[in-house]
PDB file of N, CA and C in Angstrom:
ATOM      1  N   UNK A   1       0.848  -1.176   0.000  1.00  0.00           N
ATOM      2  CA  UNK A   1       0.000   0.000   0.000  1.00  0.00           C
ATOM      3  C   UNK A   1       0.897   1.244   0.000  1.00  0.00           C
ATOM      4  N   UNK A   2       0.534   2.205  -0.815  1.00  0.00           N
ATOM      5  CA  UNK A   2       1.299   3.442  -0.934  1.00  0.00           C
ATOM      6  C   UNK A   2       1.128   4.307   0.321  1.00  0.00           C
ATOM      7  N   UNK A   3       2.103   5.177   0.615  1.00  0.00           N
ATOM      8  CA  UNK A   3       2.028   6.000   1.837  1.00  0.00           C
ATOM      9  C   UNK A   3       0.798   6.897   1.904  1.00  0.00           C
ATOM     10  N   UNK A   4       0.379   7.458   0.777  1.00  0.00           N
ATOM     11  CA  UNK A   4      -0.789   8.344   0.801  1.00  0.00           C
ATOM     12  C   UNK A   4      -2.067   7.576   1.132  1.00  0.00           C
ATOM     13  N   UNK A   5      -2.217   6.396   0.580  1.00  0.00           N
ATOM     14  CA  UNK A   5      -3.385   5.568   0.861  1.00  0.00           C
ATOM     15  C   UNK A   5      -3.350   5.058   2.302  1.00  0.00           C
ATOM     16  N   UNK A   6      -2.185   4.664   2.777  1.00  0.00           N
ATOM     17  CA  UNK A   6      -2.047   4.186   4.159  1.00  0.00           C
ATOM     18  C   UNK A   6      -2.372   5.307   5.142  1.00  0.00           C
ATOM     19  N   UNK A   7      -1.908   6.532   4.851  1.00  0.00           N
ATOM     20  CA  UNK A   7      -2.217   7.665   5.716  1.00  0.00           C
ATOM     21  C   UNK A   7      -3.715   7.922   5.772  1.00  0.00           C
ATOM     22  N   UNK A   8      -4.370   7.908   4.606  1.00  0.00           N
ATOM     23  CA  UNK A   8      -5.811   8.166   4.562  1.00  0.00           C
ATOM     24  C   UNK A   8      -6.569   7.132   5.384  1.00  0.00           C
ATOM     25  N   UNK A   9      -6.258   5.864   5.202  1.00  0.00           N
ATOM     26  CA  UNK A   9      -6.951   4.817   5.962  1.00  0.00           C
ATOM     27  C   UNK A   9      -6.703   4.977   7.466  1.00  0.00           C
ATOM     28  N   UNK A  10      -5.489   5.280   7.855  1.00  0.00           N
ATOM     29  CA  UNK A  10      -5.166   5.457   9.270  1.00  0.00           C
ATOM     30  C   UNK A  10      -5.973   6.608   9.869  1.00  0.00           C
ATOM     31  N   UNK A  11      -5.982   7.744   9.191  1.00  0.00           N
ATOM     32  CA  UNK A  11      -6.677   8.928   9.702  1.00  0.00           C
ATOM     33  C   UNK A  11      -8.184   8.707   9.770  1.00  0.00           C
ATOM     34  N   UNK A  12      -8.750   8.123   8.731  1.00  0.00           N
ATOM     35  CA  UNK A  12     -10.205   7.934   8.679  1.00  0.00           C
ATOM     36  C   UNK A  12     -10.648   6.898   9.704  1.00  0.00           C
ATOM     37  N   UNK A  13      -9.905   5.811   9.846  1.00  0.00           N
ATOM     38  CA  UNK A  13     -10.275   4.786  10.829  1.00  0.00           C
ATOM     39  C   UNK A  13     -10.270   5.340  12.251  1.00  0.00           C
ATOM     40  N   UNK A  14      -9.429   6.340  12.508  1.00  0.00           N
ATOM     41  CA  UNK A  14      -9.391   6.960  13.833  1.00  0.00           C
ATOM     42  C   UNK A  14     -10.604   7.858  14.078  1.00  0.00           C
ATOM     43  N   UNK A  15     -11.243   8.329  13.008  1.00  0.00           N
ATOM     44  CA  UNK A  15     -12.371   9.251  13.132  1.00  0.00           C
ATOM     45  C   UNK A  15     -13.734   8.577  13.227  1.00  0.00           C
ATOM     46  N   UNK A  16     -13.882   7.411  12.619  1.00  0.00           N
ATOM     47  CA  UNK A  16     -15.210   6.814  12.445  1.00  0.00           C
ATOM     48  C   UNK A  16     -15.559   5.810  13.540  1.00  0.00           C
ATOM     49  N   UNK A  17     -16.857   5.488  13.616  1.00  0.00           N
ATOM     50  CA  UNK A  17     -17.339   4.482  14.570  1.00  0.00           C
ATOM     51  C   UNK A  17     -17.273   3.072  13.998  1.00  0.00           C
ATOM     52  N   UNK A  18     -17.193   2.950  12.684  1.00  0.00           N
ATOM     53  CA  UNK A  18     -17.160   1.647  12.006  1.00  0.00           C
ATOM     54  C   UNK A  18     -15.882   1.543  11.162  1.00  0.00           C
ATOM     55  N   UNK A  19     -14.719   1.388  11.816  1.00  0.00           N
ATOM     56  CA  UNK A  19     -13.464   1.362  11.050  1.00  0.00           C
ATOM     57  C   UNK A  19     -13.356   0.170  10.100  1.00  0.00           C
ATOM     58  N   UNK A  20     -14.075  -0.889  10.383  1.00  0.00           N
ATOM     59  CA  UNK A  20     -14.019  -2.067   9.510  1.00  0.00           C
ATOM     60  C   UNK A  20     -14.670  -1.797   8.155  1.00  0.00           C
ATOM     61  N   UNK A  21     -15.485  -0.773   8.054  1.00  0.00           N
ATOM     62  CA  UNK A  21     -16.184  -0.459   6.803  1.00  0.00           C
ATOM     63  C   UNK A  21     -15.418   0.525   5.923  1.00  0.00           C
ATOM     64  N   UNK A  22     -14.273   0.987   6.378  1.00  0.00           N
ATOM     65  CA  UNK A  22     -13.483   1.944   5.598  1.00  0.00           C
ATOM     66  C   UNK A  22     -12.801   1.224   4.440  1.00  0.00           C
ATOM     67  N   UNK A  23     -13.017   1.741   3.227  1.00  0.00           N
ATOM     68  CA  UNK A  23     -12.385   1.169   2.035  1.00  0.00           C
ATOM     69  C   UNK A  23     -11.807   2.301   1.204  1.00  0.00           C
ATOM     70  N   UNK A  24     -10.607   2.094   0.686  1.00  0.00           N
ATOM     71  CA  UNK A  24      -9.999   3.077  -0.198  1.00  0.00           C
ATOM     72  C   UNK A  24      -9.515   2.392  -1.460  1.00  0.00           C
ATOM     73  N   UNK A  25      -9.583   3.129  -2.553  1.00  0.00           N
ATOM     74  CA  UNK A  25      -8.986   2.668  -3.803  1.00  0.00           C
ATOM     75  C   UNK A  25      -8.079   3.779  -4.308  1.00  0.00           C
ATOM     76  N   UNK A  26      -7.035   3.381  -5.006  1.00  0.00           N
ATOM     77  CA  UNK A  26      -6.046   4.351  -5.505  1.00  0.00           C
ATOM     78  C   UNK A  26      -5.896   4.157  -6.999  1.00  0.00           C
ATOM     79  N   UNK A  27      -6.093   5.241  -7.749  1.00  0.00           N
ATOM     80  CA  UNK A  27      -5.903   5.201  -9.195  1.00  0.00           C
ATOM     81  C   UNK A  27      -4.987   6.355  -9.596  1.00  0.00           C
ATOM     82  N   UNK A  28      -4.256   6.137 -10.675  1.00  0.00           N
ATOM     83  CA  UNK A  28      -3.330   7.149 -11.180  1.00  0.00           C
ATOM     84  C   UNK A  28      -3.708   7.465 -12.617  1.00  0.00           C
ATOM     85  N   UNK A  29      -3.783   8.769 -12.929  1.00  0.00           N
ATOM     86  CA  UNK A  29      -4.028   9.195 -14.298  1.00  0.00           C
ATOM     87  C   UNK A  29      -3.185  10.438 -14.574  1.00  0.00           C
ATOM     88  N   UNK A  30      -3.446  11.119 -15.703  1.00  0.00           N
ATOM     89  CA  UNK A  30      -2.644  12.285 -16.059  1.00  0.00           C
ATOM     90  C   UNK A  30      -2.813  13.443 -15.080  1.00  0.00           C
ATOM     91  N   UNK A  31      -3.894  13.454 -14.285  1.00  0.00           N
ATOM     92  CA  UNK A  31      -4.139  14.511 -13.305  1.00  0.00           C
ATOM     93  C   UNK A  31      -3.428  14.244 -11.976  1.00  0.00           C
ATOM     94  N   UNK A  32      -2.942  13.045 -11.771  1.00  0.00           N
ATOM     95  CA  UNK A  32      -2.268  12.697 -10.527  1.00  0.00           C
ATOM     96  C   UNK A  32      -2.877  11.461  -9.900  1.00  0.00           C
ATOM     97  N   UNK A  33      -2.858  11.409  -8.590  1.00  0.00           N
ATOM     98  CA  UNK A  33      -3.368  10.266  -7.835  1.00  0.00           C
ATOM     99  C   UNK A  33      -4.768  10.606  -7.340  1.00  0.00           C
ATOM    100  N   UNK A  34      -5.690   9.674  -7.528  1.00  0.00           N
ATOM    101  CA  UNK A  34      -7.047   9.839  -7.000  1.00  0.00           C
ATOM    102  C   UNK A  34      -7.296   8.754  -5.970  1.00  0.00           C
ATOM    103  N   UNK A  35      -7.552   9.173  -4.737  1.00  0.00           N
ATOM    104  CA  UNK A  35      -7.937   8.247  -3.673  1.00  0.00           C
ATOM    105  C   UNK A  35      -9.439   8.350  -3.500  1.00  0.00           C
ATOM    106  N   UNK A  36     -10.111   7.216  -3.583  1.00  0.00           N
ATOM    107  CA  UNK A  36     -11.558   7.168  -3.418  1.00  0.00           C
ATOM    108  C   UNK A  36     -11.857   6.514  -2.086  1.00  0.00           C
ATOM    109  N   UNK A  37     -12.654   7.193  -1.276  1.00  0.00           N
ATOM    110  CA  UNK A  37     -12.953   6.739   0.079  1.00  0.00           C
ATOM    111  C   UNK A  37     -14.418   6.346   0.194  1.00  0.00           C
ATOM    112  N   UNK A  38     -14.664   5.182   0.774  1.00  0.00           N
ATOM    113  CA  UNK A  38     -16.015   4.718   1.057  1.00  0.00           C
ATOM    114  C   UNK A  38     -16.074   4.359   2.537  1.00  0.00           C
ATOM    115  N   UNK A  39     -17.099   4.875   3.223  1.00  0.00           N
ATOM    116  CA  UNK A  39     -17.268   4.602   4.657  1.00  0.00           C
ATOM    117  C   UNK A  39     -18.704   4.155   4.921  1.00  0.00           C
ATOM    118  N   UNK A  40     -18.941   3.696   6.132  1.00  0.00           N
ATOM    119  CA  UNK A  40     -20.282   3.295   6.568  1.00  0.00           C
ATOM    120  C   UNK A  40     -21.197   4.520   6.501  1.00  0.00           C
ATOM    121  N   UNK A  41     -22.469   4.340   6.102  1.00  0.00           N
ATOM    122  CA  UNK A  41     -23.391   5.488   6.002  1.00  0.00           C
ATOM    123  C   UNK A  41     -23.499   6.318   7.276  1.00  0.00           C
ATOM    124  N   UNK A  42     -23.418   5.688   8.438  1.00  0.00           N
ATOM    125  CA  UNK A  42     -23.519   6.415   9.704  1.00  0.00           C
ATOM    126  C   UNK A  42     -22.314   7.324   9.960  1.00  0.00           C
ATOM    127  N   UNK A  43     -21.196   7.065   9.280  1.00  0.00           N
ATOM    128  CA  UNK A  43     -19.967   7.816   9.512  1.00  0.00           C
ATOM    129  C   UNK A  43     -19.751   8.966   8.529  1.00  0.00           C
ATOM    130  N   UNK A  44     -20.636   9.150   7.583  1.00  0.00           N
ATOM    131  CA  UNK A  44     -20.450  10.197   6.577  1.00  0.00           C
ATOM    132  C   UNK A  44     -20.327  11.575   7.216  1.00  0.00           C
ATOM    133  N   UNK A  45     -21.146  11.865   8.199  1.00  0.00           N
ATOM    134  CA  UNK A  45     -21.100  13.169   8.851  1.00  0.00           C
ATOM    135  C   UNK A  45     -19.766  13.444   9.512  1.00  0.00           C
ATOM    136  N   UNK A  46     -19.156  12.406  10.066  1.00  0.00           N
ATOM    137  CA  UNK A  46     -17.861  12.578  10.721  1.00  0.00           C
ATOM    138  C   UNK A  46     -16.757  12.845   9.706  1.00  0.00           C
ATOM    139  N   UNK A  47     -16.876  12.245   8.537  1.00  0.00           N
ATOM    140  CA  UNK A  47     -15.864  12.424   7.505  1.00  0.00           C
ATOM    141  C   UNK A  47     -16.013  13.788   6.832  1.00  0.00           C
ATOM    142  N   UNK A  48     -17.235  14.197   6.570  1.00  0.00           N
ATOM    143  CA  UNK A  48     -17.463  15.494   5.935  1.00  0.00           C
ATOM    144  C   UNK A  48     -17.189  16.611   6.932  1.00  0.00           C
ATOM    145  N   UNK A  49     -17.712  16.499   8.131  1.00  0.00           N
ATOM    146  CA  UNK A  49     -17.497  17.512   9.160  1.00  0.00           C
ATOM    147  C   UNK A  49     -18.419  18.701   8.987  1.00  0.00           C
ATOM    148  N   UNK A  50     -18.396  19.577   9.940  1.00  0.00           N
ATOM    149  CA  UNK A  50     -19.243  20.766   9.910  1.00  0.00           C
ATOM    150  C   UNK A  50     -18.772  21.680   8.779  1.00  0.00           C
ATOM    151  N   UNK A  51     -19.677  21.970   7.874  1.00  0.00           N
ATOM    152  CA  UNK A  51     -19.394  22.800   6.690  1.00  0.00           C
ATOM    153  C   UNK A  51     -18.268  22.228   5.836  1.00  0.00           C
ATOM    154  N   UNK A  52     -18.039  20.918   5.902  1.00  0.00           N
ATOM    155  CA  UNK A  52     -17.024  20.272   5.072  1.00  0.00           C
ATOM    156  C   UNK A  52     -15.600  20.477   5.541  1.00  0.00           C
ATOM    157  N   UNK A  53     -15.431  20.933   6.770  1.00  0.00           N
ATOM    158  CA  UNK A  53     -14.089  21.254   7.271  1.00  0.00           C
ATOM    159  C   UNK A  53     -13.207  20.017   7.453  1.00  0.00           C
ATOM    160  N   UNK A  54     -13.767  18.909   7.893  1.00  0.00           N
ATOM    161  CA  UNK A  54     -12.952  17.701   8.084  1.00  0.00           C
ATOM    162  C   UNK A  54     -12.477  17.161   6.741  1.00  0.00           C
ATOM    163  N   UNK A  55     -13.377  17.113   5.761  1.00  0.00           N
ATOM    164  CA  UNK A  55     -13.000  16.652   4.425  1.00  0.00           C
ATOM    165  C   UNK A  55     -11.942  17.570   3.826  1.00  0.00           C
ATOM    166  N   UNK A  56     -12.090  18.861   4.020  1.00  0.00           N
ATOM    167  CA  UNK A  56     -11.110  19.823   3.510  1.00  0.00           C
ATOM    168  C   UNK A  56      -9.748  19.598   4.167  1.00  0.00           C
ATOM    169  N   UNK A  57      -9.734  19.355   5.473  1.00  0.00           N
ATOM    170  CA  UNK A  57      -8.480  19.107   6.184  1.00  0.00           C
ATOM    171  C   UNK A  57      -7.813  17.822   5.694  1.00  0.00           C
ATOM    172  N   UNK A  58      -8.609  16.772   5.458  1.00  0.00           N
ATOM    173  CA  UNK A  58      -8.047  15.522   4.924  1.00  0.00           C
ATOM    174  C   UNK A  58      -7.415  15.756   3.558  1.00  0.00           C
ATOM    175  N   UNK A  59      -8.072  16.540   2.716  1.00  0.00           N
ATOM    176  CA  UNK A  59      -7.537  16.826   1.378  1.00  0.00           C
ATOM    177  C   UNK A  59      -6.223  17.602   1.465  1.00  0.00           C
ATOM    178  N   UNK A  60      -6.156  18.560   2.368  1.00  0.00           N
ATOM    179  CA  UNK A  60      -4.922  19.343   2.540  1.00  0.00           C
ATOM    180  C   UNK A  60      -3.786  18.445   3.016  1.00  0.00           C
ATOM    181  N   UNK A  61      -4.058  17.595   4.001  1.00  0.00           N
ATOM    182  CA  UNK A  61      -3.026  16.695   4.509  1.00  0.00           C
ATOM    183  C   UNK A  61      -2.566  15.711   3.439  1.00  0.00           C
ATOM    184  N   UNK A  62      -3.491  15.240   2.599  1.00  0.00           N
ATOM    185  CA  UNK A  62      -3.117  14.320   1.520  1.00  0.00           C
ATOM    186  C   UNK A  62      -2.227  15.015   0.494  1.00  0.00           C
ATOM    187  N   UNK A  63      -2.474  16.289   0.234  1.00  0.00           N
ATOM    188  CA  UNK A  63      -1.601  17.029  -0.685  1.00  0.00           C
ATOM    189  C   UNK A  63      -0.186  17.123  -0.123  1.00  0.00           C
ATOM    190  N   UNK A  64      -0.088  17.342   1.192  1.00  0.00           N
ATOM    191  CA  UNK A  64       1.221  17.422   1.840  1.00  0.00           C
ATOM    192  C   UNK A  64       1.926  16.073   1.763  1.00  0.00           C
ATOM    193  N   UNK A  65       1.209  14.993   2.031  1.00  0.00           N
ATOM    194  CA  UNK A  65       1.798  13.649   1.937  1.00  0.00           C
ATOM    195  C   UNK A  65       2.247  13.386   0.496  1.00  0.00           C
ATOM    196  N   UNK A  66       1.458  13.824  -0.471  1.00  0.00           N
ATOM    197  CA  UNK A  66       1.812  13.632  -1.876  1.00  0.00           C
ATOM    198  C   UNK A  66       3.044  14.416  -2.296  1.00  0.00           C
ATOM    199  N   UNK A  67       3.272  15.561  -1.682  1.00  0.00           N
ATOM    200  CA  UNK A  67       4.431  16.383  -2.031  1.00  0.00           C
ATOM    201  C   UNK A  67       5.750  15.648  -1.784  1.00  0.00           C
ATOM    202  N   UNK A  68       5.757  14.761  -0.795  1.00  0.00           N
ATOM    203  CA  UNK A  68       6.986  14.010  -0.498  1.00  0.00           C
ATOM    204  C   UNK A  68       7.400  13.137  -1.673  1.00  0.00           C
ATOM    205  N   UNK A  69       6.413  12.690  -2.471  1.00  0.00           N
ATOM    206  CA  UNK A  69       6.732  11.854  -3.630  1.00  0.00           C
ATOM    207  C   UNK A  69       6.460  12.596  -4.940  1.00  0.00           C
ATOM    208  N   UNK A  70       6.347  13.918  -4.866  1.00  0.00           N
ATOM    209  CA  UNK A  70       6.093  14.770  -6.034  1.00  0.00           C
ATOM    210  C   UNK A  70       4.845  14.346  -6.796  1.00  0.00           C
ATOM    211  N   UNK A  71       3.801  14.016  -6.070  1.00  0.00           N
ATOM    212  CA  UNK A  71       2.540  13.591  -6.688  1.00  0.00           C
ATOM    213  C   UNK A  71       1.411  14.502  -6.228  1.00  0.00           C
ATOM    214  N   UNK A  72       0.474  14.755  -7.125  1.00  0.00           N
ATOM    215  CA  UNK A  72      -0.721  15.518  -6.773  1.00  0.00           C
ATOM    216  C   UNK A  72      -1.779  14.506  -6.340  1.00  0.00           C
ATOM    217  N   UNK A  73      -2.209  14.584  -5.095  1.00  0.00           N
ATOM    218  CA  UNK A  73      -3.154  13.617  -4.542  1.00  0.00           C
ATOM    219  C   UNK A  73      -4.505  14.297  -4.338  1.00  0.00           C
ATOM    220  N   UNK A  74      -5.552  13.688  -4.876  1.00  0.00           N
ATOM    221  CA  UNK A  74      -6.916  14.188  -4.725  1.00  0.00           C
ATOM    222  C   UNK A  74      -7.751  13.147  -3.988  1.00  0.00           C
ATOM    223  N   UNK A  75      -8.786  13.621  -3.305  1.00  0.00           N
ATOM    224  CA  UNK A  75      -9.661  12.731  -2.533  1.00  0.00           C
ATOM    225  C   UNK A  75     -11.088  12.847  -3.035  1.00  0.00           C
ATOM    226  N   UNK A  76     -11.687  11.701  -3.302  1.00  0.00           N
ATOM    227  CA  UNK A  76     -13.104  11.628  -3.657  1.00  0.00           C
ATOM    228  C   UNK A  76     -13.786  10.800  -2.578  1.00  0.00           C
ATOM    229  N   UNK A  77     -14.864  11.343  -2.017  1.00  0.00           N
ATOM    230  CA  UNK A  77     -15.605  10.631  -0.976  1.00  0.00           C
ATOM    231  C   UNK A  77     -16.886  10.107  -1.597  1.00  0.00           C
ATOM    232  N   UNK A  78     -17.021   8.789  -1.652  1.00  0.00           N
ATOM    233  CA  UNK A  78     -18.219   8.168  -2.229  1.00  0.00           C
ATOM    234  C   UNK A  78     -19.408   8.306  -1.301  1.00  0.00           C
ATOM    235  N   UNK A  79     -20.562   8.567  -1.880  1.00  0.00           N
ATOM    236  CA  UNK A  79     -21.825   8.565  -1.133  1.00  0.00           C
ATOM    237  C   UNK A  79     -22.178   7.102  -0.896  1.00  0.00           C
ATOM    238  N   UNK A  80     -22.229   6.627   0.347  1.00  0.00           N
ATOM    239  CA  UNK A  80     -22.474   5.206   0.593  1.00  0.00           C
ATOM    240  C   UNK A  80     -23.914   4.806   0.277  1.00  0.00           C
ATOM    241  N   UNK A  81     -24.079   3.557  -0.081  1.00  0.00           N
ATOM    242  CA  UNK A  81     -25.405   3.010  -0.340  1.00  0.00           C
ATOM    243  C   UNK A  81     -26.186   3.028   0.963  1.00  0.00           C
ATOM    244  N   UNK A  82     -27.416   3.516   0.916  1.00  0.00           N
ATOM    245  CA  UNK A  82     -28.253   3.555   2.106  1.00  0.00           C
ATOM    246  C   UNK A  82     -28.132   4.840   2.892  1.00  0.00           C
ATOM    247  N   UNK A  83     -27.415   5.819   2.357  1.00  0.00           N
ATOM    248  CA  UNK A  83     -27.284   7.083   3.080  1.00  0.00           C
ATOM    249  C   UNK A  83     -28.561   7.900   2.955  1.00  0.00           C
ATOM    250  N   UNK A  84     -28.806   8.795   3.893  1.00  0.00           N
ATOM    251  CA  UNK A  84     -30.038   9.593   3.848  1.00  0.00           C
ATOM    252  C   UNK A  84     -30.184  10.403   2.568  1.00  0.00           C
ATOM    253  N   UNK A  85     -29.101  10.929   2.014  1.00  0.00           N
ATOM    254  CA  UNK A  85     -29.191  11.720   0.788  1.00  0.00           C
ATOM    255  C   UNK A  85     -29.636  10.880  -0.389  1.00  0.00           C
ATOM    256  N   UNK A  86     -29.339   9.601  -0.359  1.00  0.00           N
ATOM    257  CA  UNK A  86     -29.730   8.736  -1.461  1.00  0.00           C
ATOM    258  C   UNK A  86     -31.248   8.640  -1.558  1.00  0.00           C
ATOM    259  N   UNK A  87     -31.937   8.810  -0.446  1.00  0.00           N
ATOM    260  CA  UNK A  87     -33.389   8.671  -0.417  1.00  0.00           C
ATOM    261  C   UNK A  87     -34.117   9.985  -0.652  1.00  0.00           C
ATOM    262  N   UNK A  88     -33.384  11.096  -0.682  1.00  0.00           N
ATOM    263  CA  UNK A  88     -34.036  12.375  -0.939  1.00  0.00           C
ATOM    264  C   UNK A  88     -34.533  12.409  -2.374  1.00  0.00           C
ATOM    265  N   UNK A  89     -35.689  12.986  -2.556  1.00  0.00           N
ATOM    266  CA  UNK A  89     -36.255  13.096  -3.894  1.00  0.00           C
ATOM    267  C   UNK A  89     -36.229  14.542  -4.329  1.00  0.00           C
ATOM    268  N   UNK A  90     -35.997  14.732  -5.602  1.00  0.00           N
ATOM    269  CA  UNK A  90     -36.044  16.073  -6.138  1.00  0.00           C
ATOM    270  C   UNK A  90     -37.496  16.446  -6.401  1.00  0.00           C
ATOM    271  N   UNK A  91     -37.751  17.727  -6.611  1.00  0.00           N
ATOM    272  CA  UNK A  91     -39.107  18.195  -6.897  1.00  0.00           C
ATOM    273  C   UNK A  91     -39.628  17.530  -8.164  1.00  0.00           C
ATOM    274  N   UNK A  92     -38.781  17.379  -9.171  1.00  0.00           N
ATOM    275  CA  UNK A  92     -39.204  16.752 -10.422  1.00  0.00           C
ATOM    276  C   UNK A  92     -39.631  15.299 -10.214  1.00  0.00           C
ATOM    277  N   UNK A  93     -38.930  14.560  -9.338  1.00  0.00           N
ATOM    278  CA  UNK A  93     -39.287  13.177  -9.083  1.00  0.00           C
ATOM    279  C   UNK A  93     -40.645  13.079  -8.399  1.00  0.00           C
ATOM    280  N   UNK A  94     -40.932  13.977  -7.467  1.00  0.00           N
ATOM    281  CA  UNK A  94     -42.209  13.977  -6.764  1.00  0.00           C
ATOM    282  C   UNK A  94     -43.332  14.331  -7.738  1.00  0.00           C
ATOM    283  N   UNK A  95     -43.114  15.308  -8.591  1.00  0.00           N
ATOM    284  CA  UNK A  95     -44.122  15.705  -9.578  1.00  0.00           C
ATOM    285  C   UNK A  95     -44.408  14.571 -10.552  1.00  0.00           C
ATOM    286  N   UNK A  96     -43.371  13.859 -10.970  1.00  0.00           N
ATOM    287  CA  UNK A  96     -43.542  12.729 -11.895  1.00  0.00           C
ATOM    288  C   UNK A  96     -44.371  11.615 -11.283  1.00  0.00           C
ATOM    289  N   UNK A  97     -44.247  11.425  -9.949  1.00  0.00           N
ATOM    290  CA  UNK A  97     -45.020  10.377  -9.284  1.00  0.00           C
ATOM    291  C   UNK A  97     -46.497  10.730  -9.197  1.00  0.00           C
ATOM    292  N   UNK A  98     -46.813  12.022  -9.222  1.00  0.00           N
ATOM    293  CA  UNK A  98     -48.213  12.467  -9.122  1.00  0.00           C
ATOM    294  C   UNK A  98     -48.850  12.314 -10.443  1.00  0.00           C
TER     295      UNK A  98
END
């Protein structure tokens, strides 16, 4: 496991209530390194944080970790299956049902 991915898993597992559900994937393309994070639906609020501050801090720290290997590291947080936002309906969906 690469240092940036290991750091992300370590930090996130320390924050959440369900560390066994933390999953990361690492892909490399012309834009740099993309780390994709998936957590338990109950832990999404802890990862995002108030006004997105925790997610922003994780992204900043990952950029610093990436600088050691001259890589641009980005973080994508997956919306977990079964999360409350997944069940929200848009106005158009409600109108279509009527």
